[in-house]
Every structure is written in structure tokens, then in C-alpha cells.
């Protein structure tokens, strides 16, 4: 653990990039550097991971990120790249200035931004055990690591393209059924080196990027939205990440039992 100054800024954005009601505060929190990126300890505690087990996850799973490609599993923490536009799925404490007013979701070109990490979880009101491979056709949630909100969509219009808005919703990983996305891929399981699509389970819209770019306060970031038809704009691929494996979980449980 180490102290890291955290800047929390609540903003809003609209079609013209205007920002109203911006507030800011600065505090210091304890963070773990998990697989090369910082994760707030308080966030990990809310996942109900006890101290010794958390330490084992940090030490034991760090090597998993560099292993040869395998399966994407529940509990994995990943970055998702839009293959066509070369941007990573991203969120932050900046709210839409139109539509739902919920936390915005964008695409960023930066490789090392910790706001682009998402945790793979089972669909709403279910539990997918950590280390369980995600099947093609399975519904999941993607929970934003730094804010604890889930990838979400609904019948609001996106601010730039006029497609369906995609936002981040909920508190501490709990939202509603509109947080569920179906993984579309070929074969039996979602593999780390394969391209996939994410279809919103309630509206059938596909998670997409078509290149529209925001101005202030998130200049250069691209709009992420839902589209009704499939094309290269809705192909995604896992990039950086930490992948939970059943064998690693067994070792972790064994170690924790001995303490």
C-alpha cells in the first residue's frame, strides 16, 4: 500500500462541451498497485476481499497478466479496446450534460489510464464465481474499477451522434437490469485474444464507437454509444488485464485457511 493523492472532480458535459456546476476536492487515500495500476484499498474492501487474501491477489495474480492468452473469466480486471478506432473503454466522474445526466462513458487512446479498467461480473442478481470462464452468449456486467459503477444503457439519446446513450450507473457495483450485456463471440468461450461484441441485453443495441470526439472538459475522448446493427465499429478485444484462474483461487483459499 502507498499514499496517492486523488483528485475527485464532478463535471458535466454536453454536445458543446460545456461544463456547469464543477466542484473539486483533494484527499489522500491508500491504494494497492494491482498488476501495474493503482486500485483504491477502500474499493477492494467493498468487494469483501479480506486483507491477507487481497495481498495474495496482488502478488499471485500479477503474473497472470503476462501469461499466454487464455479465457476471460469472472472476476478478471481488464481493459477493452475498440479495434476499429483504437480506443479503450473508459469512464470517470464526469456526467452527461444532456440525456440521463449519468456518469459518462468514453473511449480514450491512452494505454496507461487507470480509469479504463473494468471488472467482469455475472449479470444482475446473480453471482459468477471468480475464475469461471465466460461463455459466448452469456450475460455479464462490467463494473468500472475506480467509481464502482456498471456499464449501462437505456433509451436516451447520446450527446454527439444521436445514437443510444451508454453510461455508468449504480453504486458500489449494484445497479439494475439495464447493466446487463451479452457477450457475442465465436466458439464456446470468450478468449483473451479474440474479438467480441457486447449486446445490451434489454435493448439489443451493440456497444460501439464511430469516432465522434468531445471537447471540454474531456477534450479528445470519443463517444461510446449503442448501435442497432453490427459492423467494425462494435468489435472489442481484451488488452491489458489480470485474469482470475480457478487454480490460483484454490491456492489463495488454501493460503488464507492456514493464516
Protein backbone atom coordinates (compact mmCIF):
# COMPACT_ATOMS: atom_id res chain seq x y z
CA UNK A 1 0.00 0.00 0.00
CA UNK A 2 1.07 3.57 -0.56
CA UNK A 3 -0.48 7.02 -0.24
CA UNK A 4 -1.61 8.54 -3.50
CA UNK A 5 -3.22 11.97 -3.85
CA UNK A 6 -6.59 11.61 -5.55
CA UNK A 7 -8.38 14.45 -7.35
CA UNK A 8 -12.14 13.98 -7.49
CA UNK A 9 -13.93 16.28 -9.85
CA UNK A 10 -17.61 16.16 -10.70
CA UNK A 11 -18.33 17.78 -14.05
CA UNK A 12 -20.92 17.62 -16.75
CA UNK A 13 -20.60 17.55 -20.50
CA UNK A 14 -22.95 18.33 -23.33
CA UNK A 15 -22.92 18.42 -27.11
CA UNK A 16 -21.00 21.71 -26.99
CA UNK A 17 -18.58 20.51 -24.34
CA UNK A 18 -19.91 22.94 -21.74
CA UNK A 19 -19.31 22.28 -18.05
CA UNK A 20 -21.56 23.55 -15.29
CA UNK A 21 -21.52 23.10 -11.53
CA UNK A 22 -17.95 21.79 -11.44
CA UNK A 23 -16.59 21.09 -7.98
CA UNK A 24 -13.28 19.68 -6.90
CA UNK A 25 -11.65 18.31 -3.79
CA UNK A 26 -8.35 16.74 -2.93
CA UNK A 27 -7.68 13.97 -0.44
CA UNK A 28 -5.24 11.19 0.20
CA UNK A 29 -6.20 7.51 0.17
CA UNK A 30 -4.39 4.22 0.41
CA UNK A 31 -4.05 2.35 -2.85
CA UNK A 32 -2.78 -1.03 -3.93
CA UNK A 33 -0.79 -1.21 -7.12
CA UNK A 34 -2.54 -4.18 -8.70
CA UNK A 35 -0.84 -5.57 -11.77
CA UNK A 36 0.82 -2.24 -12.51
CA UNK A 37 -2.16 0.06 -11.90
CA UNK A 38 -3.45 1.64 -8.66
CA UNK A 39 -6.66 0.34 -7.11
CA UNK A 40 -8.07 2.09 -4.00
CA UNK A 41 -8.00 -0.15 -0.94
CA UNK A 42 -11.46 1.01 0.08
CA UNK A 43 -12.81 -0.14 -3.28
CA UNK A 44 -11.24 -3.57 -2.81
CA UNK A 45 -12.69 -3.80 0.70
CA UNK A 46 -16.15 -3.18 -0.71
CA UNK A 47 -15.60 -6.27 -2.84
CA UNK A 48 -15.31 -8.12 0.52
CA UNK A 49 -11.75 -9.30 -0.09
CA UNK A 50 -10.02 -9.74 3.32
CA UNK A 51 -6.54 -8.34 3.89
CA UNK A 52 -4.36 -11.49 3.54
CA UNK A 53 -6.41 -12.69 0.57
CA UNK A 54 -6.13 -9.27 -1.06
CA UNK A 55 -2.36 -9.41 -0.69
CA UNK A 56 -2.31 -12.82 -2.36
CA UNK A 57 -4.43 -11.47 -5.23
CA UNK A 58 -1.94 -8.65 -5.74
CA UNK A 59 1.12 -10.89 -5.57
CA UNK A 60 -0.25 -14.07 -7.08
CA UNK A 61 -2.26 -12.64 -9.97
CA UNK A 62 0.28 -10.11 -11.17
CA UNK A 63 1.96 -12.81 -13.23
CA UNK A 64 -1.33 -13.76 -14.86
CA UNK A 65 -1.38 -10.55 -16.88
CA UNK A 66 1.75 -11.67 -18.71
CA UNK A 67 0.74 -15.26 -19.31
CA UNK A 68 -0.11 -16.60 -22.75
CA UNK A 69 -3.67 -15.90 -23.97
CA UNK A 70 -6.42 -17.96 -22.38
CA UNK A 71 -10.01 -17.48 -21.33
CA UNK A 72 -11.67 -14.39 -19.92
CA UNK A 73 -13.14 -15.27 -16.54
CA UNK A 74 -15.44 -13.73 -13.95
CA UNK A 75 -13.51 -11.57 -11.53
CA UNK A 76 -10.95 -10.60 -14.17
CA UNK A 77 -10.00 -6.91 -14.37
CA UNK A 78 -9.46 -5.84 -17.98
CA UNK A 79 -9.13 -3.03 -20.48
CA UNK A 80 -11.26 -3.34 -23.61
CA UNK A 81 -10.06 -1.94 -26.93
CA UNK A 82 -12.35 -0.85 -29.73
CA UNK A 83 -10.48 -2.42 -32.62
CA UNK A 84 -11.67 -0.03 -35.36
CA UNK A 85 -10.88 3.23 -33.55
CA UNK A 86 -8.04 2.04 -31.29
CA UNK A 87 -9.55 3.47 -28.09
CA UNK A 88 -10.08 1.81 -24.72
CA UNK A 89 -13.43 1.76 -22.94
CA UNK A 90 -13.22 4.42 -20.25
CA UNK A 91 -15.22 6.20 -17.57
CA UNK A 92 -14.68 8.90 -14.94
CA UNK A 93 -16.63 11.16 -12.58
CA UNK A 94 -17.90 13.38 -15.40
CA UNK A 95 -21.65 13.39 -16.01
CA UNK A 96 -23.56 13.93 -19.24
CA UNK A 97 -24.99 17.43 -19.58
CA UNK A 98 -27.94 16.02 -21.54
CA UNK A 99 -29.86 12.75 -21.70
CA UNK A 100 -29.78 10.80 -18.43
CA UNK A 101 -27.22 13.00 -16.68
CA UNK A 102 -25.47 9.83 -15.52
CA UNK A 103 -21.72 9.23 -15.46
CA UNK A 104 -20.29 9.34 -18.96
CA UNK A 105 -18.51 6.51 -20.78
CA UNK A 106 -15.97 7.34 -23.48
CA UNK A 107 -13.11 5.90 -25.50
CA UNK A 108 -9.52 7.01 -24.85
CA UNK A 109 -6.31 6.41 -26.77
CA UNK A 110 -4.08 6.43 -23.67
CA UNK A 111 -2.77 2.99 -22.77
CA UNK A 112 -1.87 3.63 -19.12
CA UNK A 113 -5.03 5.36 -17.81
CA UNK A 114 -6.35 3.53 -14.71
CA UNK A 115 -9.87 4.81 -15.46
CA UNK A 116 -10.07 2.26 -18.28
CA UNK A 117 -10.17 -0.84 -16.05
CA UNK A 118 -13.38 -2.87 -15.75
CA UNK A 119 -14.21 -5.90 -13.65
CA UNK A 120 -16.06 -8.82 -15.31
CA UNK A 121 -19.04 -9.98 -13.21
CA UNK A 122 -22.17 -12.09 -13.53
CA UNK A 123 -25.41 -10.49 -14.70
CA UNK A 124 -27.69 -8.59 -12.31
CA UNK A 125 -28.89 -10.56 -9.25
CA UNK A 126 -26.55 -13.48 -9.96
CA UNK A 127 -23.11 -14.49 -8.81
CA UNK A 128 -20.47 -15.70 -11.25
CA UNK A 129 -17.72 -17.32 -9.19
CA UNK A 130 -14.29 -15.80 -9.66
CA UNK A 131 -12.28 -17.81 -12.17
CA UNK A 132 -15.34 -19.13 -14.05
CA UNK A 133 -14.84 -18.83 -17.84
CA UNK A 134 -17.33 -16.53 -19.59
CA UNK A 135 -19.26 -18.33 -22.31
CA UNK A 136 -20.20 -16.86 -25.68
CA UNK A 137 -23.83 -15.79 -25.35
CA UNK A 138 -23.57 -15.25 -21.59
CA UNK A 139 -24.87 -12.06 -19.97
CA UNK A 140 -22.42 -10.19 -17.76
CA UNK A 141 -21.85 -6.86 -16.04
CA UNK A 142 -18.77 -4.70 -16.48
CA UNK A 143 -18.04 -2.70 -13.32
CA UNK A 144 -15.79 0.34 -13.54
CA UNK A 145 -12.95 -0.15 -11.07
CA UNK A 146 -12.37 3.41 -9.91
CA UNK A 147 -16.00 4.53 -9.49
CA UNK A 148 -17.82 1.26 -8.79
CA UNK A 149 -20.49 1.93 -11.43
CA UNK A 150 -21.65 -0.54 -14.08
CA UNK A 151 -21.64 -0.17 -17.86
CA UNK A 152 -25.26 0.73 -18.61
CA UNK A 153 -27.57 1.74 -21.44
CA UNK A 154 -31.18 2.88 -21.85
CA UNK A 155 -33.49 4.79 -24.20
CA UNK A 156 -31.71 8.14 -24.00
CA UNK A 157 -30.00 9.79 -26.97
CA UNK A 158 -26.21 10.06 -26.95
CA UNK A 159 -24.94 13.66 -26.97
CA UNK A 160 -22.84 13.67 -30.16
CA UNK A 161 -24.01 11.03 -32.65
CA UNK A 162 -27.67 10.76 -31.64
CA UNK A 163 -27.38 7.01 -31.12
CA UNK A 164 -28.34 5.28 -27.84
CA UNK A 165 -26.58 6.65 -24.76
CA UNK A 166 -24.16 4.43 -22.85
CA UNK A 167 -23.41 5.46 -19.28
CA UNK A 168 -22.04 4.14 -15.98
CA UNK A 169 -24.69 3.55 -13.32
CA UNK A 170 -25.16 2.27 -9.77
CA UNK A 171 -23.23 2.42 -6.51
CA UNK A 172 -20.55 0.02 -5.31
CA UNK A 173 -21.26 -2.33 -8.22
CA UNK A 174 -25.03 -2.53 -7.72
CA UNK A 175 -27.35 -1.01 -10.31
CA UNK A 176 -30.25 -2.62 -12.18
CA UNK A 177 -31.10 -4.98 -15.06
CA UNK A 178 -30.06 -2.33 -17.61
CA UNK A 179 -26.43 -3.07 -16.62
CA UNK A 180 -26.52 -6.48 -18.36
CA UNK A 181 -24.62 -7.09 -21.61
CA UNK A 182 -24.47 -10.29 -23.68
CA UNK A 183 -21.04 -11.38 -24.91
CA UNK A 184 -21.18 -12.22 -28.63
CA UNK A 185 -18.27 -14.31 -29.86
CA UNK A 186 -17.48 -17.41 -31.91
CA UNK A 187 -16.75 -20.71 -30.23
CA UNK A 188 -17.69 -21.75 -26.70
CA UNK A 189 -15.86 -19.23 -24.51
CA UNK A 190 -14.69 -15.60 -24.57
CA UNK A 191 -10.97 -15.88 -25.28
CA UNK A 192 -8.43 -13.22 -24.38
CA UNK A 193 -7.04 -12.79 -27.88
CA UNK A 194 -10.37 -12.90 -29.74
CA UNK A 195 -12.68 -10.11 -30.89
CA UNK A 196 -16.14 -9.88 -29.32
CA UNK A 197 -19.24 -7.70 -29.39
CA UNK A 198 -21.33 -6.62 -26.42
CA UNK A 199 -25.10 -6.52 -26.98
CA UNK A 200 -27.21 -4.68 -24.44
CA UNK A 201 -29.47 -7.39 -23.08
CA UNK A 202 -32.59 -5.19 -22.75
CA UNK A 203 -32.43 -3.04 -25.90
CA UNK A 204 -30.34 -5.23 -28.27
CA UNK A 205 -28.00 -2.32 -29.03
CA UNK A 206 -24.32 -3.05 -29.67
CA UNK A 207 -21.59 -1.24 -27.75
CA UNK A 208 -19.92 0.95 -30.40
CA UNK A 209 -17.57 3.80 -31.26
CA UNK A 210 -17.95 5.74 -34.51
CA UNK A 211 -15.37 8.47 -33.98
CA UNK A 212 -17.29 11.50 -32.65
CA UNK A 213 -14.98 13.45 -30.36
CA UNK A 214 -15.73 15.51 -27.24
CA UNK A 215 -14.47 18.98 -26.39
CA UNK A 216 -14.19 20.37 -22.87
CA UNK A 217 -13.90 19.03 -20.18
CA UNK A 218 -12.73 15.73 -21.74
CA UNK A 219 -11.13 17.02 -24.92
CA UNK A 220 -10.14 14.32 -27.41
CA UNK A 221 -12.10 11.46 -25.87
CA UNK A 222 -14.51 9.67 -28.20
CA UNK A 223 -18.18 8.96 -27.72
CA UNK A 224 -19.24 5.41 -26.84
CA UNK A 225 -22.85 4.56 -27.67
CA UNK A 226 -25.24 1.79 -28.70
CA UNK A 227 -25.96 0.92 -32.34
CA UNK A 228 -28.64 -1.36 -33.73
CA UNK A 229 -26.55 -3.07 -36.41
CA UNK A 230 -23.23 -4.89 -36.40
CA UNK A 231 -20.11 -3.61 -38.16
CA UNK A 232 -16.45 -2.98 -37.41
CA UNK A 233 -17.37 -0.13 -35.04
CA UNK A 234 -18.60 -2.60 -32.42
CA UNK A 235 -15.68 -5.04 -32.32
CA UNK A 236 -13.80 -5.15 -28.98
CA UNK A 237 -10.75 -7.00 -27.74
CA UNK A 238 -9.23 -7.56 -24.31
CA UNK A 239 -5.90 -5.81 -23.90
CA UNK A 240 -4.20 -5.24 -20.52
CA UNK A 241 -5.66 -7.12 -17.59
CA UNK A 242 -5.47 -9.54 -14.69
CA UNK A 243 -7.27 -12.80 -15.33
CA UNK A 244 -8.57 -14.93 -12.50
CA UNK A 245 -7.91 -18.64 -12.82
CA UNK A 246 -9.55 -21.42 -10.78
CA UNK A 247 -6.18 -22.93 -9.83
CA UNK A 248 -4.99 -19.58 -8.48
CA UNK A 249 -8.15 -19.22 -6.43
CA UNK A 250 -7.61 -22.63 -4.88
CA UNK A 251 -4.09 -21.68 -3.87
CA UNK A 252 -5.33 -18.39 -2.43
CA UNK A 253 -8.08 -20.12 -0.43
CA UNK A 254 -5.58 -22.66 0.90
CA UNK A 255 -3.17 -19.92 1.99
CA UNK A 256 -5.94 -17.93 3.66
CA UNK A 257 -7.17 -21.01 5.57
CA UNK A 258 -3.72 -21.52 7.05
CA UNK A 259 -3.50 -18.00 8.49
